[in-house]
Protein backbone atom coordinates (compact mmCIF):
# COMPACT_ATOMS: atom_id res chain seq x y z
CA MET A 1 28.91 -17.08 -15.91
CA PRO A 2 32.40 -19.40 -16.74
CA LEU A 3 33.91 -18.10 -13.52
CA GLU A 4 30.75 -19.06 -11.14
CA GLU A 5 32.97 -22.20 -10.16
CA TYR A 6 35.99 -20.78 -9.85
CA ASN A 7 34.53 -18.35 -7.65
CA LYS A 8 32.11 -20.79 -5.47
CA LYS A 9 35.08 -22.56 -4.40
CA ARG A 10 37.09 -19.78 -2.81
CA ASP A 11 36.87 -17.54 0.40
CA PHE A 12 38.76 -14.21 -0.85
CA ASN A 13 38.70 -13.35 2.78
CA GLN A 14 41.47 -15.96 3.29
CA THR A 15 43.04 -16.28 -0.34
CA ALA A 16 45.35 -13.84 -2.33
CA GLU A 17 44.21 -15.40 -5.20
CA PRO A 18 42.35 -12.80 -7.70
CA LYS A 19 38.69 -12.96 -7.45
CA GLY A 20 36.89 -13.93 -10.48
CA LYS A 21 36.09 -11.61 -13.30
CA THR A 22 36.18 -11.62 -17.00
CA SER A 23 39.01 -9.46 -18.18
CA ARG A 24 40.89 -9.42 -22.03
CA GLY A 25 44.48 -9.20 -22.52
CA LYS A 26 45.70 -6.61 -24.75
CA GLY A 27 47.40 -8.34 -28.06
CA LYS A 28 48.47 -12.15 -28.48
CA LEU A 29 46.79 -14.30 -26.27
CA ARG A 30 48.56 -15.48 -23.05
CA PHE A 31 49.62 -19.09 -21.30
CA VAL A 32 50.82 -19.60 -18.11
CA VAL A 33 51.89 -23.19 -16.82
CA GLN A 34 51.65 -23.11 -13.11
CA ARG A 35 53.56 -25.59 -10.70
CA HIS A 36 51.22 -25.85 -7.98
CA ALA A 37 52.01 -28.15 -4.82
CA ALA A 38 48.53 -29.15 -3.31
CA SER A 39 47.41 -32.40 -1.84
CA ARG A 40 49.98 -33.46 -4.83
CA LEU A 41 52.00 -31.75 -7.00
CA HIS A 42 50.94 -30.75 -10.70
CA TYR A 43 51.36 -28.20 -13.21
CA ASP A 44 48.51 -25.90 -14.16
CA PHE A 45 48.38 -25.62 -17.67
CA ARG A 46 46.36 -22.22 -18.90
CA LEU A 47 45.45 -20.95 -22.04
CA GLU A 48 43.40 -17.46 -22.46
CA MET A 49 40.41 -17.69 -24.17
CA ASP A 50 37.10 -15.67 -24.06
CA GLY A 51 38.29 -13.41 -21.15
CA VAL A 52 39.14 -16.16 -19.18
CA LEU A 53 42.00 -18.83 -18.73
CA LYS A 54 41.12 -22.20 -19.82
CA SER A 55 42.42 -24.51 -17.38
CA TRP A 56 43.82 -28.09 -17.02
CA ALA A 57 46.00 -30.17 -14.25
CA VAL A 58 48.71 -31.71 -15.65
CA PRO A 59 50.16 -34.30 -13.00
CA LYS A 60 53.71 -34.95 -14.87
CA GLY A 61 54.00 -31.72 -16.16
CA PRO A 62 54.28 -30.61 -20.05
CA SER A 63 56.84 -32.56 -22.15
CA LEU A 64 59.06 -31.28 -25.50
CA ASN A 65 58.92 -35.04 -25.87
CA PRO A 66 56.27 -35.89 -28.76
CA GLN A 67 56.32 -39.43 -27.28
CA ASP A 68 55.19 -38.39 -23.80
CA LYS A 69 51.25 -37.97 -24.37
CA ARG A 70 50.61 -36.52 -20.89
CA LEU A 71 47.16 -36.60 -18.86
CA ALA A 72 46.03 -32.97 -18.76
CA MET A 73 42.43 -33.06 -16.93
CA MET A 74 40.26 -29.95 -17.72
CA VAL A 75 39.15 -28.10 -14.27
CA GLU A 76 37.49 -24.49 -13.71
CA ASP A 77 37.92 -21.53 -15.77
CA HIS A 78 40.62 -19.11 -14.16
CA PRO A 79 40.07 -15.57 -14.34
CA TYR A 80 42.88 -13.78 -16.50
CA ASP A 81 44.83 -11.79 -13.83
CA TYR A 82 45.29 -15.80 -12.33
CA ARG A 83 48.20 -15.71 -14.76
CA THR A 84 50.22 -13.64 -12.61
CA PHE A 85 49.64 -15.25 -9.50
CA GLU A 86 52.05 -16.84 -7.17
CA GLY A 87 52.15 -17.34 -3.65
CA THR A 88 50.78 -19.44 -0.71
CA ILE A 89 47.06 -21.03 -0.78
CA PRO A 90 46.64 -21.18 3.06
CA SER A 91 45.81 -24.35 4.27
CA GLY A 92 41.90 -25.34 4.47
CA ASN A 93 41.25 -23.68 1.51
CA TYR A 94 40.57 -25.42 -2.03
CA GLY A 95 44.02 -25.93 -3.60
CA ALA A 96 45.95 -25.29 -0.43
CA GLY A 97 49.95 -25.01 -0.65
CA GLU A 98 52.46 -23.31 -3.20
CA VAL A 99 52.00 -22.03 -5.99
CA GLU A 100 54.59 -20.62 -8.77
CA ILE A 101 55.04 -19.60 -12.38
CA TRP A 102 56.81 -22.48 -14.18
CA ASP A 103 56.67 -20.74 -17.89
CA GLU A 104 54.65 -17.98 -19.62
CA GLY A 105 54.65 -16.34 -22.99
CA THR A 106 52.30 -15.92 -25.78
CA TYR A 107 50.43 -18.49 -28.52
CA GLU A 108 48.54 -18.79 -30.89
CA ALA A 109 46.02 -20.81 -33.33
CA LEU A 110 48.56 -23.44 -35.08
CA GLU A 111 45.90 -23.47 -38.50
CA LYS A 112 45.03 -19.62 -39.35
CA VAL A 113 41.67 -19.10 -41.34
CA LYS A 114 41.44 -15.53 -42.83
CA GLY A 115 39.21 -12.79 -41.29
CA LYS A 116 38.95 -14.76 -38.01
CA LYS A 117 41.16 -13.85 -34.54
CA ASP A 118 43.09 -16.92 -32.96
CA ASP A 119 40.83 -16.22 -30.10
CA THR A 120 37.80 -17.20 -32.00
CA LEU A 121 39.25 -20.45 -33.57
CA MET A 122 41.08 -20.98 -30.27
CA GLN A 123 37.15 -21.37 -28.98
CA ALA A 124 35.54 -23.17 -31.62
CA GLN A 125 38.54 -25.94 -31.09
CA LEU A 126 37.53 -26.37 -27.72
CA SER A 127 34.04 -26.98 -28.30
CA GLU A 128 35.15 -29.72 -30.84
CA GLY A 129 37.61 -31.33 -28.28
CA SER A 130 40.86 -30.98 -30.56
CA LEU A 131 43.19 -27.80 -29.81
CA LYS A 132 46.25 -27.32 -31.84
CA PHE A 133 48.79 -24.23 -31.22
CA ILE A 134 51.98 -22.56 -30.81
CA LEU A 135 53.39 -21.88 -27.74
CA HIS A 136 56.11 -18.97 -27.47
CA GLY A 137 57.14 -19.47 -24.16
CA LYS A 138 60.48 -19.25 -21.89
CA LYS A 139 60.88 -23.33 -22.07
CA LEU A 140 57.90 -24.72 -23.57
CA LYS A 141 58.26 -23.70 -27.10
CA GLY A 142 56.77 -24.69 -30.62
CA GLU A 143 53.47 -26.70 -31.77
CA PHE A 144 51.52 -28.46 -29.17
CA ALA A 145 48.14 -30.17 -29.34
CA LEU A 146 45.63 -31.13 -26.63
CA VAL A 147 42.78 -33.41 -27.36
CA ARG A 148 39.91 -34.64 -25.39
CA ILE A 149 39.82 -38.31 -24.03
CA LYS A 150 36.39 -39.26 -25.43
CA ASN A 151 33.68 -41.84 -23.40
CA SER A 152 35.22 -41.15 -20.38
CA GLU A 153 34.22 -42.31 -17.00
CA SER A 154 35.30 -39.81 -14.65
CA GLY A 155 36.51 -35.93 -14.74
CA ASP A 156 37.00 -34.07 -18.20
CA PRO A 157 40.50 -35.32 -19.30
CA TRP A 158 42.38 -34.44 -22.30
CA LEU A 159 46.15 -35.09 -23.27
CA LEU A 160 48.64 -32.65 -23.94
CA ILE A 161 50.97 -33.57 -27.04
CA LYS A 162 53.88 -31.93 -28.49
CA HIS A 163 54.58 -32.22 -32.07
CA ARG A 164 57.54 -33.02 -33.77
CA ASP A 165 58.82 -29.93 -34.74
CA GLU A 166 62.49 -27.99 -34.22
CA PHE A 167 62.19 -27.62 -30.36
CA ALA A 168 60.99 -31.43 -29.77
CA THR A 169 63.42 -33.32 -27.63
CA ASP A 170 63.60 -37.27 -26.97
CA SER A 171 64.06 -36.74 -23.30
CA TYR A 172 62.20 -34.18 -20.74
CA ASP A 173 60.94 -33.59 -17.07
CA ALA A 174 59.60 -30.74 -16.06
CA GLU A 175 60.98 -31.06 -12.57
CA GLN A 176 64.39 -31.17 -14.31
CA ASN A 177 63.58 -27.56 -15.57
CA THR A 178 62.54 -26.07 -12.68
CA GLU A 179 64.43 -23.13 -10.80
CA PRO A 180 66.99 -23.98 -8.44
CA ASP A 181 65.71 -21.33 -6.37
CA SER A 182 62.04 -22.91 -6.49
CA LYS A 183 59.34 -22.01 -3.31
CA VAL A 184 57.57 -24.91 -4.47
CA SER A 185 60.33 -26.84 -4.40
CA ALA A 186 61.59 -25.55 -0.75
CA TYR A 187 57.89 -26.05 0.50
CA LEU A 188 58.05 -29.31 -0.65
CA ALA A 189 61.19 -30.18 1.29
CA SER A 190 59.54 -28.06 4.84
CA LYS A 191 56.51 -30.23 4.34
CA LYS A 192 58.44 -33.65 3.74
CA LYS A 193 60.89 -32.56 6.98
CA ALA A 194 57.69 -32.08 8.77
CA GLU A 195 56.35 -35.46 7.72
CA LYS A 196 59.41 -37.43 9.44
């Protein structure tokens, strides 16, 4: 079962995170990027596939600059319902800290195959270790690739890369494209204050 690891890591009597069960969205495939202040600030990049959200932790956040090859560590699958999750994961729980949605939207396979659904195409690309897709988000738009780093010593590292298209820029910082009233930023500021 793809969500076994997700459920094993969480105590649902303590956390408001959704319970791990598979369910499919209707219509186009969805994606979400969640900004997550846990032990370290990172961005969780999630693509709907096969009834779950395939998930990668991106330490520096996604970029619209094709020169930035962002490390993306693949983590356990998350339930489809996680795409709307925002809030506090209580202290003592896995991933404790603050979570907010940084970007969301739909996505599709870059290379179409007649008679095959995007979901099927993306699953095949995932098993090959090379995903090519188009994001239709509020912040992230256009063509991207996720490529697995072969022969890695630890974890399941990939690279998240922006393709050169009309949405590409020469400079991009995810942190500078965060909402000014961000709860994660407020959480980080209060944590910093408490440490002083």
